[in-house]
Amino acid sequence: MKLILCLVILAGIALCAGCTTVNTTPATPAVVPNLLGTWTGPAKGYTEGIGFRDSQSVNATMLVTQQQDRIFTGNLALPYRNGTVRNEGFAGIISQDGKTFRIVEFDPHEYDDGVILSENKIEMVFTFAEEPQSIMLDSFTRMR
């Protein structure tokens, strides 16, 4: 009788252990959006010591020149109030959800977080932590 009880308990433990294991199969990856092309749009934000900024009259441009799966690279053209334009390279990675991304600007090593709103619309939040601190929202539309 003890043998049968032990076998039933062991079978119960084995059955419960099988029911509580974690599924390690990865979720189906999101479709990787194609970001190649020219994106342009205004920026607005706030800079310490300057105040609120709105560049509706001057657009920034992001040119995505290469993309391999979720990794992409290109160039940014960022206009300043004094009329000059800062051109710099960048690289980025699209997250697994296929909706958010992050880029690093090569010089002066700044970061932007982005969200893909649709096939032809994205937003990027630029945060500059050095003096003067700034936060900017770039709203880009892909040019066709």
Foldseek 3Di string as FASTA:
>chain_A
DVVVVVVVVVVVVVVVVVVPDDDPDDDDFDQAADPAAKKKFWKWWAWPPPGTDTPRVDMKMWHWHDDDRFKTKGWIWDADPVGHTDIFIKIKGQDRNNFKIKMFTPPPGWIWIKGDPDNFWMKIWTWDDDPGTMIMITIIGGDD
